[in-house]
């Protein structure tokens, strides 16, 4: 077994975050000797193939009723925000100049342009929000349908 120096380029972390060390002659200490012991197995393609051949399972625990409830709450937030933006549109885009001088007119025009830009960005954000709500509601019904199909299939 070879020692290692943390500053040595021969001391590497493997894909599990553990240290693999080389003592200079190609022999490696490893938690996974099937992947990293020999010079031949240090080939990155072979290591990747070894990782891909390992069995991986992912379990998802979704609660469709919670997703649907969240979609409903988000829909009401979006509706409220849209109505508030619509109510403020006239005031924020049509700013009345405080005086009749040139500076006041330019300042009012600048504030009006800023209000119009806010309304445009707000409309885009509302569209993205609506798409997210639709995706969330669709996912809730999809999870519920999948759970029902799995329940029928396992009986």
C-alpha atoms as a PDB file:
ATOM      1  CA  UNK A   1       0.000   0.000   0.000  1.00  0.00           C
ATOM      2  CA  UNK A   2       1.411   3.305  -1.021  1.00  0.00           C
ATOM      3  CA  UNK A   3       1.149   6.529   0.856  1.00  0.00           C
ATOM      4  CA  UNK A   4      -0.091   9.725  -0.660  1.00  0.00           C
ATOM      5  CA  UNK A   5       0.636  13.395  -0.532  1.00  0.00           C
ATOM      6  CA  UNK A   6      -2.374  15.714  -0.782  1.00  0.00           C
ATOM      7  CA  UNK A   7      -0.423  17.988  -3.109  1.00  0.00           C
ATOM      8  CA  UNK A   8       0.615  15.175  -5.436  1.00  0.00           C
ATOM      9  CA  UNK A   9      -1.078  14.976  -8.851  1.00  0.00           C
ATOM     10  CA  UNK A  10      -1.270  11.224  -8.277  1.00  0.00           C
ATOM     11  CA  UNK A  11      -3.766  11.696  -5.448  1.00  0.00           C
ATOM     12  CA  UNK A  12      -7.215  11.941  -7.009  1.00  0.00           C
ATOM     13  CA  UNK A  13     -10.774  11.798  -5.791  1.00  0.00           C
ATOM     14  CA  UNK A  14     -12.915   9.175  -7.426  1.00  0.00           C
ATOM     15  CA  UNK A  15     -16.532   9.702  -8.364  1.00  0.00           C
ATOM     16  CA  UNK A  16     -17.656   8.776  -4.816  1.00  0.00           C
ATOM     17  CA  UNK A  17     -15.567  11.594  -3.356  1.00  0.00           C
ATOM     18  CA  UNK A  18     -13.086   9.160  -1.792  1.00  0.00           C
ATOM     19  CA  UNK A  19      -9.337   9.415  -2.280  1.00  0.00           C
ATOM     20  CA  UNK A  20      -7.620   6.993  -4.649  1.00  0.00           C
ATOM     21  CA  UNK A  21      -3.856   6.932  -4.329  1.00  0.00           C
ATOM     22  CA  UNK A  22      -1.130   5.730  -6.618  1.00  0.00           C
ATOM     23  CA  UNK A  23       2.227   4.680  -5.261  1.00  0.00           C
ATOM     24  CA  UNK A  24       3.998   5.301  -8.553  1.00  0.00           C
ATOM     25  CA  UNK A  25       3.980   1.799 -10.017  1.00  0.00           C
ATOM     26  CA  UNK A  26       0.342   1.777 -11.107  1.00  0.00           C
ATOM     27  CA  UNK A  27      -1.060  -0.058  -8.095  1.00  0.00           C
ATOM     28  CA  UNK A  28      -3.959   1.831  -6.585  1.00  0.00           C
ATOM     29  CA  UNK A  29      -5.709   1.721  -3.283  1.00  0.00           C
ATOM     30  CA  UNK A  30      -9.422   1.980  -3.826  1.00  0.00           C
ATOM     31  CA  UNK A  31     -12.777   1.287  -2.288  1.00  0.00           C
ATOM     32  CA  UNK A  32     -13.808  -0.193  -5.661  1.00  0.00           C
ATOM     33  CA  UNK A  33     -11.029  -2.533  -6.826  1.00  0.00           C
ATOM     34  CA  UNK A  34     -13.196  -3.810  -9.681  1.00  0.00           C
ATOM     35  CA  UNK A  35     -13.075  -0.367 -11.306  1.00  0.00           C
ATOM     36  CA  UNK A  36      -9.846   1.289 -10.261  1.00  0.00           C
ATOM     37  CA  UNK A  37      -7.160  -1.276  -9.353  1.00  0.00           C
ATOM     38  CA  UNK A  38      -5.331  -1.935 -12.598  1.00  0.00           C
ATOM     39  CA  UNK A  39      -3.829   0.381 -15.182  1.00  0.00           C
ATOM     40  CA  UNK A  40      -6.263  -1.026 -17.735  1.00  0.00           C
ATOM     41  CA  UNK A  41      -9.247  -0.097 -15.569  1.00  0.00           C
ATOM     42  CA  UNK A  42      -8.025   3.478 -15.103  1.00  0.00           C
ATOM     43  CA  UNK A  43      -9.301   4.187 -18.612  1.00  0.00           C
ATOM     44  CA  UNK A  44     -12.126   6.732 -18.138  1.00  0.00           C
ATOM     45  CA  UNK A  45     -14.330   4.934 -20.662  1.00  0.00           C
ATOM     46  CA  UNK A  46     -14.084   1.696 -18.694  1.00  0.00           C
ATOM     47  CA  UNK A  47     -14.831   3.529 -15.465  1.00  0.00           C
ATOM     48  CA  UNK A  48     -17.907   5.136 -17.023  1.00  0.00           C
ATOM     49  CA  UNK A  49     -19.067   1.782 -18.342  1.00  0.00           C
ATOM     50  CA  UNK A  50     -18.656   0.332 -14.855  1.00  0.00           C
ATOM     51  CA  UNK A  51     -20.769   3.130 -13.414  1.00  0.00           C
ATOM     52  CA  UNK A  52     -23.468   2.687 -16.026  1.00  0.00           C
ATOM     53  CA  UNK A  53     -23.653  -1.026 -15.353  1.00  0.00           C
ATOM     54  CA  UNK A  54     -24.371  -0.478 -11.665  1.00  0.00           C
ATOM     55  CA  UNK A  55     -28.034  -0.766 -10.829  1.00  0.00           C
ATOM     56  CA  UNK A  56     -29.588   2.579 -10.008  1.00  0.00           C
ATOM     57  CA  UNK A  57     -33.141   3.056  -8.739  1.00  0.00           C
ATOM     58  CA  UNK A  58     -34.913   6.282  -8.028  1.00  0.00           C
ATOM     59  CA  UNK A  59     -38.085   6.366  -5.997  1.00  0.00           C
ATOM     60  CA  UNK A  60     -40.431   9.316  -6.363  1.00  0.00           C
ATOM     61  CA  UNK A  61     -43.018  10.016  -3.714  1.00  0.00           C
ATOM     62  CA  UNK A  62     -45.461  12.553  -5.130  1.00  0.00           C
ATOM     63  CA  UNK A  63     -48.691  13.682  -3.528  1.00  0.00           C
ATOM     64  CA  UNK A  64     -51.022  14.666  -6.391  1.00  0.00           C
ATOM     65  CA  UNK A  65     -53.544  16.353  -4.092  1.00  0.00           C
ATOM     66  CA  UNK A  66     -50.816  18.625  -2.706  1.00  0.00           C
ATOM     67  CA  UNK A  67     -49.627  19.478  -6.215  1.00  0.00           C
ATOM     68  CA  UNK A  68     -53.187  20.315  -7.269  1.00  0.00           C
ATOM     69  CA  UNK A  69     -53.693  22.455  -4.153  1.00  0.00           C
ATOM     70  CA  UNK A  70     -50.433  24.301  -4.834  1.00  0.00           C
ATOM     71  CA  UNK A  71     -51.518  24.900  -8.432  1.00  0.00           C
ATOM     72  CA  UNK A  72     -54.799  26.374  -7.175  1.00  0.00           C
ATOM     73  CA  UNK A  73     -53.042  28.689  -4.731  1.00  0.00           C
ATOM     74  CA  UNK A  74     -50.560  29.800  -7.387  1.00  0.00           C
ATOM     75  CA  UNK A  75     -53.422  30.424  -9.819  1.00  0.00           C
ATOM     76  CA  UNK A  76     -55.131  32.722  -7.306  1.00  0.00           C
ATOM     77  CA  UNK A  77     -51.852  34.562  -6.681  1.00  0.00           C
ATOM     78  CA  UNK A  78     -51.402  35.043 -10.429  1.00  0.00           C
ATOM     79  CA  UNK A  79     -54.962  36.303 -10.848  1.00  0.00           C
ATOM     80  CA  UNK A  80     -54.546  38.758  -7.976  1.00  0.00           C
ATOM     81  CA  UNK A  81     -51.233  40.034  -9.324  1.00  0.00           C
ATOM     82  CA  UNK A  82     -52.647  40.455 -12.830  1.00  0.00           C
ATOM     83  CA  UNK A  83     -55.658  42.419 -11.567  1.00  0.00           C
ATOM     84  CA  UNK A  84     -53.442  44.659  -9.421  1.00  0.00           C
ATOM     85  CA  UNK A  85     -51.113  45.324 -12.363  1.00  0.00           C
ATOM     86  CA  UNK A  86     -54.082  46.140 -14.602  1.00  0.00           C
ATOM     87  CA  UNK A  87     -55.469  48.532 -11.988  1.00  0.00           C
ATOM     88  CA  UNK A  88     -52.116  50.303 -11.674  1.00  0.00           C
ATOM     89  CA  UNK A  89     -51.442  50.455 -15.424  1.00  0.00           C
ATOM     90  CA  UNK A  90     -53.186  53.770 -16.056  1.00  0.00           C
ATOM     91  CA  UNK A  91     -51.485  55.479 -13.127  1.00  0.00           C
ATOM     92  CA  UNK A  92     -47.991  54.157 -13.808  1.00  0.00           C
ATOM     93  CA  UNK A  93     -47.961  54.685 -17.580  1.00  0.00           C
ATOM     94  CA  UNK A  94     -49.818  58.005 -17.754  1.00  0.00           C
ATOM     95  CA  UNK A  95     -47.850  60.114 -15.282  1.00  0.00           C
ATOM     96  CA  UNK A  96     -49.077  63.711 -15.086  1.00  0.00           C
ATOM     97  CA  UNK A  97     -46.250  66.282 -15.049  1.00  0.00           C
ATOM     98  CA  UNK A  98     -46.162  68.312 -11.819  1.00  0.00           C
ATOM     99  CA  UNK A  99     -45.577  71.575 -13.731  1.00  0.00           C
ATOM    100  CA  UNK A 100     -45.650  72.937 -17.263  1.00  0.00           C
ATOM    101  CA  UNK A 101     -41.887  73.358 -17.625  1.00  0.00           C
ATOM    102  CA  UNK A 102     -39.717  71.235 -19.924  1.00  0.00           C
ATOM    103  CA  UNK A 103     -37.974  69.290 -17.127  1.00  0.00           C
ATOM    104  CA  UNK A 104     -41.296  68.243 -15.568  1.00  0.00           C
ATOM    105  CA  UNK A 105     -42.597  67.108 -18.955  1.00  0.00           C
ATOM    106  CA  UNK A 106     -39.452  65.039 -19.623  1.00  0.00           C
ATOM    107  CA  UNK A 107     -39.523  63.572 -16.127  1.00  0.00           C
ATOM    108  CA  UNK A 108     -43.181  62.571 -16.483  1.00  0.00           C
ATOM    109  CA  UNK A 109     -42.425  61.004 -19.873  1.00  0.00           C
ATOM    110  CA  UNK A 110     -39.513  59.073 -18.344  1.00  0.00           C
ATOM    111  CA  UNK A 111     -41.668  57.772 -15.493  1.00  0.00           C
ATOM    112  CA  UNK A 112     -44.401  56.855 -17.982  1.00  0.00           C
ATOM    113  CA  UNK A 113     -41.898  54.926 -20.120  1.00  0.00           C
ATOM    114  CA  UNK A 114     -40.643  53.132 -17.019  1.00  0.00           C
ATOM    115  CA  UNK A 115     -44.233  52.230 -16.100  1.00  0.00           C
ATOM    116  CA  UNK A 116     -44.842  50.908 -19.624  1.00  0.00           C
ATOM    117  CA  UNK A 117     -41.698  48.766 -19.422  1.00  0.00           C
ATOM    118  CA  UNK A 118     -42.892  47.414 -16.074  1.00  0.00           C
ATOM    119  CA  UNK A 119     -46.254  46.500 -17.594  1.00  0.00           C
ATOM    120  CA  UNK A 120     -44.512  44.687 -20.493  1.00  0.00           C
ATOM    121  CA  UNK A 121     -42.213  42.737 -18.165  1.00  0.00           C
ATOM    122  CA  UNK A 122     -45.140  42.008 -15.870  1.00  0.00           C
ATOM    123  CA  UNK A 123     -47.141  40.589 -18.789  1.00  0.00           C
ATOM    124  CA  UNK A 124     -44.246  38.278 -19.710  1.00  0.00           C
ATOM    125  CA  UNK A 125     -43.863  37.183 -16.084  1.00  0.00           C
ATOM    126  CA  UNK A 126     -47.608  36.498 -15.898  1.00  0.00           C
ATOM    127  CA  UNK A 127     -47.377  34.311 -19.011  1.00  0.00           C
ATOM    128  CA  UNK A 128     -44.499  32.316 -17.498  1.00  0.00           C
ATOM    129  CA  UNK A 129     -46.421  32.034 -14.222  1.00  0.00           C
ATOM    130  CA  UNK A 130     -49.498  30.754 -16.064  1.00  0.00           C
ATOM    131  CA  UNK A 131     -47.398  28.150 -17.894  1.00  0.00           C
ATOM    132  CA  UNK A 132     -45.939  26.994 -14.578  1.00  0.00           C
ATOM    133  CA  UNK A 133     -49.406  26.688 -13.021  1.00  0.00           C
ATOM    134  CA  UNK A 134     -50.658  24.658 -15.998  1.00  0.00           C
ATOM    135  CA  UNK A 135     -47.582  22.401 -15.825  1.00  0.00           C
ATOM    136  CA  UNK A 136     -48.044  21.870 -12.092  1.00  0.00           C
ATOM    137  CA  UNK A 137     -51.746  21.030 -12.478  1.00  0.00           C
ATOM    138  CA  UNK A 138     -50.998  18.683 -15.387  1.00  0.00           C
ATOM    139  CA  UNK A 139     -48.281  16.971 -13.361  1.00  0.00           C
ATOM    140  CA  UNK A 140     -50.691  16.486 -10.466  1.00  0.00           C
ATOM    141  CA  UNK A 141     -53.249  14.770 -12.684  1.00  0.00           C
ATOM    142  CA  UNK A 142     -50.517  12.755 -14.403  1.00  0.00           C
ATOM    143  CA  UNK A 143     -49.148  11.502 -11.075  1.00  0.00           C
ATOM    144  CA  UNK A 144     -52.673  10.623  -9.926  1.00  0.00           C
ATOM    145  CA  UNK A 145     -53.376   8.696 -13.143  1.00  0.00           C
ATOM    146  CA  UNK A 146     -50.057   6.854 -12.885  1.00  0.00           C
ATOM    147  CA  UNK A 147     -50.720   5.911  -9.262  1.00  0.00           C
ATOM    148  CA  UNK A 148     -54.181   4.622 -10.212  1.00  0.00           C
ATOM    149  CA  UNK A 149     -52.744   2.594 -13.096  1.00  0.00           C
ATOM    150  CA  UNK A 150     -50.038   1.153 -10.835  1.00  0.00           C
ATOM    151  CA  UNK A 151     -52.619   0.232  -8.201  1.00  0.00           C
ATOM    152  CA  UNK A 152     -54.676  -1.642 -10.809  1.00  0.00           C
ATOM    153  CA  UNK A 153     -51.592  -3.344 -12.247  1.00  0.00           C
ATOM    154  CA  UNK A 154     -50.369  -4.608  -8.877  1.00  0.00           C
ATOM    155  CA  UNK A 155     -53.693  -6.129  -7.807  1.00  0.00           C
END
